[in-house]
Amino acid sequence: MKRFVSFMMAVFVGVALFTTAASADARHGQKFYLKKISGKCRKDGIKNGGMFAKIHTRDQWDRLKEKGKLQKEWSRICPHAAKKIKKMKKKDVKNLFDFVWKYAKDGEEPSCG
């Protein structure tokens, strides 16, 4: 019985950690934006991440993703960060997409830069 309880606790903790990581993509995208490209985007008139995300609606961001043109569009929006955007890892592209999709024109209102 003790083994079973220990096993169930391990499963519970594992599931809790997995669901937290799976739902954190937009937050990771926001962190990427803040750490890697926000300073450069300010030079292009983009004052914060919300302004960056609100360039398009959710449907428009989806279409750009389907066409494989996210990085090209982000570089167009923020040319000073084009080098950083071009060198993005796949997970960072996914996370930044989740961020801009969540806070798009027709999305939620971001709480910080």
N, C-alpha and C. Protein backbone atom coordinates (compact mmCIF):
# COMPACT_ATOMS: atom_id res chain seq x y z
N MET A 1 0.82 -1.19 0.00
CA MET A 1 0.00 0.00 0.00
C MET A 1 0.87 1.27 0.00
N LYS A 2 1.96 1.21 0.74
CA LYS A 2 2.85 2.37 0.81
C LYS A 2 3.46 2.67 -0.56
N ARG A 3 3.81 1.63 -1.31
CA ARG A 3 4.36 1.81 -2.66
C ARG A 3 3.33 2.44 -3.59
N PHE A 4 2.10 1.96 -3.47
CA PHE A 4 1.04 2.49 -4.32
C PHE A 4 0.81 3.98 -4.06
N VAL A 5 0.77 4.37 -2.80
CA VAL A 5 0.57 5.78 -2.45
C VAL A 5 1.74 6.61 -2.96
N SER A 6 2.95 6.11 -2.80
CA SER A 6 4.14 6.82 -3.30
C SER A 6 4.09 6.98 -4.81
N PHE A 7 3.69 5.91 -5.47
CA PHE A 7 3.57 5.96 -6.93
C PHE A 7 2.52 6.98 -7.36
N MET A 8 1.38 7.00 -6.71
CA MET A 8 0.31 7.93 -7.07
C MET A 8 0.74 9.38 -6.81
N MET A 9 1.47 9.60 -5.75
CA MET A 9 1.97 10.95 -5.47
C MET A 9 2.94 11.40 -6.56
N ALA A 10 3.80 10.49 -7.00
CA ALA A 10 4.75 10.80 -8.06
C ALA A 10 4.02 11.13 -9.36
N VAL A 11 2.99 10.36 -9.67
CA VAL A 11 2.19 10.61 -10.86
C VAL A 11 1.50 11.97 -10.75
N PHE A 12 0.93 12.26 -9.60
CA PHE A 12 0.25 13.54 -9.38
C PHE A 12 1.21 14.71 -9.57
N VAL A 13 2.39 14.62 -8.98
CA VAL A 13 3.38 15.69 -9.11
C VAL A 13 3.82 15.83 -10.57
N GLY A 14 4.05 14.71 -11.25
CA GLY A 14 4.44 14.74 -12.66
C GLY A 14 3.40 15.38 -13.54
N VAL A 15 2.15 15.05 -13.34
CA VAL A 15 1.07 15.64 -14.12
C VAL A 15 0.96 17.14 -13.83
N ALA A 16 1.08 17.52 -12.58
CA ALA A 16 1.01 18.94 -12.22
C ALA A 16 2.13 19.72 -12.89
N LEU A 17 3.33 19.19 -12.90
CA LEU A 17 4.45 19.87 -13.54
C LEU A 17 4.26 19.95 -15.05
N PHE A 18 3.75 18.88 -15.66
CA PHE A 18 3.54 18.88 -17.11
C PHE A 18 2.50 19.91 -17.52
N THR A 19 1.39 19.99 -16.80
CA THR A 19 0.35 20.93 -17.18
C THR A 19 0.81 22.36 -17.00
N THR A 20 1.63 22.63 -16.00
CA THR A 20 2.16 23.98 -15.81
C THR A 20 3.06 24.35 -16.98
N ALA A 21 3.93 23.44 -17.40
CA ALA A 21 4.84 23.73 -18.52
C ALA A 21 4.07 23.88 -19.83
N ALA A 22 3.04 23.10 -20.01
CA ALA A 22 2.29 23.15 -21.26
C ALA A 22 1.49 24.44 -21.40
N SER A 23 1.05 25.00 -20.29
CA SER A 23 0.24 26.21 -20.36
C SER A 23 1.07 27.49 -20.27
N ALA A 24 2.36 27.36 -20.14
CA ALA A 24 3.20 28.53 -19.89
C ALA A 24 3.80 29.12 -21.17
N ASP A 25 3.39 28.69 -22.34
CA ASP A 25 4.01 29.15 -23.57
C ASP A 25 3.89 30.65 -23.80
N ALA A 26 2.73 31.22 -23.59
CA ALA A 26 2.55 32.66 -23.80
C ALA A 26 3.42 33.44 -22.82
N ARG A 27 3.52 32.94 -21.61
CA ARG A 27 4.36 33.60 -20.60
C ARG A 27 5.83 33.54 -21.01
N HIS A 28 6.25 32.39 -21.55
CA HIS A 28 7.63 32.26 -22.03
C HIS A 28 7.86 33.19 -23.24
N GLY A 29 6.86 33.31 -24.09
CA GLY A 29 6.97 34.22 -25.22
C GLY A 29 7.09 35.66 -24.77
N GLN A 30 6.36 36.01 -23.72
CA GLN A 30 6.44 37.36 -23.18
C GLN A 30 7.83 37.61 -22.60
N LYS A 31 8.37 36.61 -21.90
CA LYS A 31 9.72 36.74 -21.35
C LYS A 31 10.75 36.89 -22.47
N PHE A 32 10.58 36.11 -23.55
CA PHE A 32 11.50 36.22 -24.68
C PHE A 32 11.43 37.63 -25.25
N TYR A 33 10.22 38.12 -25.45
CA TYR A 33 10.06 39.47 -26.00
C TYR A 33 10.77 40.49 -25.09
N LEU A 34 10.50 40.42 -23.80
CA LEU A 34 11.07 41.39 -22.87
C LEU A 34 12.59 41.34 -22.81
N LYS A 35 13.14 40.12 -22.79
CA LYS A 35 14.59 39.97 -22.64
C LYS A 35 15.36 40.19 -23.93
N LYS A 36 14.83 39.74 -25.05
CA LYS A 36 15.61 39.69 -26.28
C LYS A 36 15.32 40.80 -27.28
N ILE A 37 14.07 41.22 -27.39
CA ILE A 37 13.78 42.16 -28.49
C ILE A 37 13.07 43.45 -28.10
N SER A 38 12.62 43.56 -26.86
CA SER A 38 11.85 44.76 -26.50
C SER A 38 12.67 46.05 -26.64
N GLY A 39 13.93 46.01 -26.22
CA GLY A 39 14.77 47.21 -26.33
C GLY A 39 14.96 47.65 -27.76
N LYS A 40 15.15 46.70 -28.64
CA LYS A 40 15.34 47.02 -30.05
C LYS A 40 14.03 47.49 -30.70
N CYS A 41 12.91 46.91 -30.26
CA CYS A 41 11.62 47.31 -30.83
C CYS A 41 11.24 48.73 -30.42
N ARG A 42 11.70 49.17 -29.26
CA ARG A 42 11.42 50.54 -28.85
C ARG A 42 11.99 51.54 -29.85
N LYS A 43 13.12 51.18 -30.46
CA LYS A 43 13.73 52.05 -31.48
C LYS A 43 12.82 52.18 -32.71
N ASP A 44 11.94 51.19 -32.89
CA ASP A 44 11.02 51.20 -34.03
C ASP A 44 9.64 51.72 -33.66
N GLY A 45 9.50 52.26 -32.45
CA GLY A 45 8.23 52.83 -32.03
C GLY A 45 7.29 51.87 -31.36
N ILE A 46 7.71 50.64 -31.13
CA ILE A 46 6.89 49.65 -30.44
C ILE A 46 7.20 49.79 -28.95
N LYS A 47 6.29 50.37 -28.19
CA LYS A 47 6.57 50.72 -26.79
C LYS A 47 6.55 49.52 -25.84
N ASN A 48 5.75 48.50 -26.16
CA ASN A 48 5.67 47.34 -25.26
C ASN A 48 5.17 46.11 -26.01
N GLY A 49 5.14 44.98 -25.31
CA GLY A 49 4.73 43.72 -25.93
C GLY A 49 3.29 43.72 -26.39
N GLY A 50 2.43 44.41 -25.65
CA GLY A 50 1.03 44.49 -26.05
C GLY A 50 0.87 45.19 -27.38
N MET A 51 1.63 46.25 -27.56
CA MET A 51 1.59 46.98 -28.83
C MET A 51 2.11 46.11 -29.97
N PHE A 52 3.15 45.33 -29.69
CA PHE A 52 3.73 44.41 -30.66
C PHE A 52 2.70 43.36 -31.07
N ALA A 53 1.99 42.79 -30.10
CA ALA A 53 1.02 41.73 -30.37
C ALA A 53 -0.23 42.26 -31.06
N LYS A 54 -0.62 43.48 -30.78
CA LYS A 54 -1.87 44.03 -31.30
C LYS A 54 -1.76 44.54 -32.73
N ILE A 55 -0.64 44.28 -33.39
CA ILE A 55 -0.50 44.64 -34.80
C ILE A 55 -1.52 43.87 -35.64
N HIS A 56 -1.81 42.63 -35.23
CA HIS A 56 -2.73 41.77 -35.99
C HIS A 56 -3.77 41.14 -35.07
N THR A 57 -4.82 40.59 -35.69
CA THR A 57 -5.82 39.82 -34.96
C THR A 57 -5.33 38.38 -34.82
N ARG A 58 -6.04 37.59 -34.04
CA ARG A 58 -5.67 36.18 -33.88
C ARG A 58 -5.69 35.43 -35.21
N ASP A 59 -6.71 35.68 -36.03
CA ASP A 59 -6.79 35.02 -37.33
C ASP A 59 -5.60 35.39 -38.22
N GLN A 60 -5.21 36.64 -38.19
CA GLN A 60 -4.07 37.07 -39.00
C GLN A 60 -2.78 36.41 -38.51
N TRP A 61 -2.60 36.33 -37.19
CA TRP A 61 -1.41 35.65 -36.67
C TRP A 61 -1.43 34.18 -37.07
N ASP A 62 -2.61 33.54 -37.01
CA ASP A 62 -2.73 32.13 -37.42
C ASP A 62 -2.34 31.95 -38.88
N ARG A 63 -2.82 32.83 -39.76
CA ARG A 63 -2.49 32.72 -41.18
C ARG A 63 -0.99 32.89 -41.42
N LEU A 64 -0.37 33.83 -40.73
CA LEU A 64 1.08 34.01 -40.86
C LEU A 64 1.83 32.77 -40.41
N LYS A 65 1.34 32.14 -39.35
CA LYS A 65 1.99 30.91 -38.86
C LYS A 65 1.84 29.80 -39.88
N GLU A 66 0.64 29.64 -40.43
CA GLU A 66 0.40 28.59 -41.42
C GLU A 66 1.28 28.76 -42.66
N LYS A 67 1.51 30.00 -43.05
CA LYS A 67 2.34 30.28 -44.22
C LYS A 67 3.84 30.26 -43.91
N GLY A 68 4.19 30.13 -42.63
CA GLY A 68 5.59 30.11 -42.22
C GLY A 68 6.25 31.48 -42.31
N LYS A 69 5.47 32.53 -42.10
CA LYS A 69 5.99 33.89 -42.27
C LYS A 69 6.01 34.69 -40.96
N LEU A 70 5.98 34.01 -39.83
CA LEU A 70 5.98 34.73 -38.56
C LEU A 70 7.24 35.56 -38.37
N GLN A 71 8.39 34.93 -38.54
CA GLN A 71 9.65 35.64 -38.30
C GLN A 71 9.82 36.80 -39.29
N LYS A 72 9.40 36.59 -40.51
CA LYS A 72 9.49 37.65 -41.51
C LYS A 72 8.61 38.83 -41.09
N GLU A 73 7.41 38.55 -40.60
CA GLU A 73 6.50 39.61 -40.17
C GLU A 73 7.04 40.31 -38.92
N TRP A 74 7.56 39.54 -37.97
CA TRP A 74 8.12 40.16 -36.77
C TRP A 74 9.30 41.06 -37.13
N SER A 75 10.11 40.63 -38.09
CA SER A 75 11.24 41.45 -38.54
C SER A 75 10.75 42.72 -39.25
N ARG A 76 9.63 42.62 -39.96
CA ARG A 76 9.06 43.79 -40.61
C ARG A 76 8.54 44.78 -39.56
N ILE A 77 7.89 44.25 -38.54
CA ILE A 77 7.33 45.09 -37.48
C ILE A 77 8.45 45.77 -36.68
N CYS A 78 9.50 45.02 -36.45
CA CYS A 78 10.58 45.49 -35.59
C CYS A 78 11.94 45.25 -36.27
N PRO A 79 12.29 46.07 -37.27
CA PRO A 79 13.51 45.84 -38.04
C PRO A 79 14.81 45.88 -37.23
N HIS A 80 14.84 46.64 -36.15
CA HIS A 80 16.05 46.70 -35.34
C HIS A 80 16.35 45.36 -34.64
N ALA A 81 15.34 44.51 -34.48
CA ALA A 81 15.53 43.21 -33.84
C ALA A 81 15.61 42.07 -34.86
N ALA A 82 15.73 42.39 -36.13
CA ALA A 82 15.68 41.37 -37.18
C ALA A 82 16.73 40.27 -37.00
N LYS A 83 17.94 40.63 -36.58
CA LYS A 83 18.98 39.62 -36.38
C LYS A 83 18.60 38.64 -35.29
N LYS A 84 18.09 39.16 -34.18
CA LYS A 84 17.66 38.29 -33.06
C LYS A 84 16.49 37.41 -33.50
N ILE A 85 15.56 37.99 -34.23
CA ILE A 85 14.38 37.25 -34.67
C ILE A 85 14.78 36.14 -35.64
N LYS A 86 15.71 36.43 -36.52
CA LYS A 86 16.14 35.42 -37.50
C LYS A 86 16.82 34.24 -36.82
N LYS A 87 17.50 34.46 -35.70
CA LYS A 87 18.24 33.41 -35.00
C LYS A 87 17.40 32.67 -33.95
N MET A 88 16.11 32.93 -33.91
CA MET A 88 15.26 32.32 -32.89
C MET A 88 15.21 30.81 -33.01
N LYS A 89 15.18 30.13 -31.87
CA LYS A 89 14.99 28.69 -31.84
C LYS A 89 13.51 28.39 -32.09
N LYS A 90 13.22 27.16 -32.51
CA LYS A 90 11.83 26.78 -32.79
C LYS A 90 10.93 26.99 -31.59
N LYS A 91 11.41 26.63 -30.40
CA LYS A 91 10.58 26.78 -29.20
C LYS A 91 10.30 28.25 -28.92
N ASP A 92 11.28 29.12 -29.21
CA ASP A 92 11.06 30.55 -29.00
C ASP A 92 10.05 31.10 -30.00
N VAL A 93 10.10 30.62 -31.23
CA VAL A 93 9.11 31.04 -32.24
C VAL A 93 7.71 30.62 -31.78
N LYS A 94 7.60 29.38 -31.31
CA LYS A 94 6.30 28.88 -30.82
C LYS A 94 5.82 29.71 -29.64
N ASN A 95 6.71 29.97 -28.70
CA ASN A 95 6.32 30.73 -27.51
C ASN A 95 5.95 32.17 -27.84
N LEU A 96 6.72 32.82 -28.71
CA LEU A 96 6.40 34.19 -29.09
C LEU A 96 5.09 34.23 -29.88
N PHE A 97 4.86 33.22 -30.70
CA PHE A 97 3.57 33.14 -31.40
C PHE A 97 2.43 33.04 -30.38
N ASP A 98 2.59 32.16 -29.39
CA ASP A 98 1.55 32.02 -28.37
C ASP A 98 1.30 33.35 -27.65
N PHE A 99 2.37 34.09 -27.42
CA PHE A 99 2.24 35.40 -26.77
C PHE A 99 1.47 36.37 -27.66
N VAL A 100 1.88 36.51 -28.93
CA VAL A 100 1.20 37.49 -29.79
C VAL A 100 -0.24 37.05 -30.09
N TRP A 101 -0.49 35.74 -30.16
CA TRP A 101 -1.85 35.25 -30.40
C TRP A 101 -2.73 35.57 -29.20
N LYS A 102 -2.21 35.32 -28.00
CA LYS A 102 -3.00 35.55 -26.78
C LYS A 102 -3.35 37.02 -26.63
N TYR A 103 -2.43 37.92 -26.96
CA TYR A 103 -2.63 39.35 -26.75
C TYR A 103 -2.87 40.12 -28.05
N ALA A 104 -3.38 39.44 -29.06
CA ALA A 104 -3.67 40.07 -30.36
C ALA A 104 -4.76 41.14 -30.20
N LYS A 105 -5.04 41.84 -31.30
CA LYS A 105 -6.07 42.89 -31.30
C LYS A 105 -7.37 42.42 -30.65
N ASP A 106 -7.77 41.22 -31.02
CA ASP A 106 -9.03 40.68 -30.52
C ASP A 106 -8.80 39.69 -29.37
N GLY A 107 -7.65 39.77 -28.72
CA GLY A 107 -7.31 38.87 -27.62
C GLY A 107 -7.39 39.56 -26.27
N GLU A 108 -6.66 39.00 -25.33
CA GLU A 108 -6.65 39.52 -23.97
C GLU A 108 -5.80 40.78 -23.87
N GLU A 109 -5.98 41.51 -22.79
CA GLU A 109 -5.20 42.71 -22.54
C GLU A 109 -3.98 42.32 -21.69
N PRO A 110 -2.75 42.58 -22.18
CA PRO A 110 -1.56 42.21 -21.41
C PRO A 110 -1.42 43.07 -20.15
N SER A 111 -0.80 42.48 -19.13
CA SER A 111 -0.68 43.20 -17.85
C SER A 111 0.64 43.94 -17.72
N CYS A 112 1.62 43.62 -18.57
CA CYS A 112 2.89 44.33 -18.48
C CYS A 112 3.56 44.37 -19.84
N GLY A 113 4.68 45.14 -19.93
CA GLY A 113 5.43 45.43 -21.14
C GLY A 113 5.68 44.31 -22.03
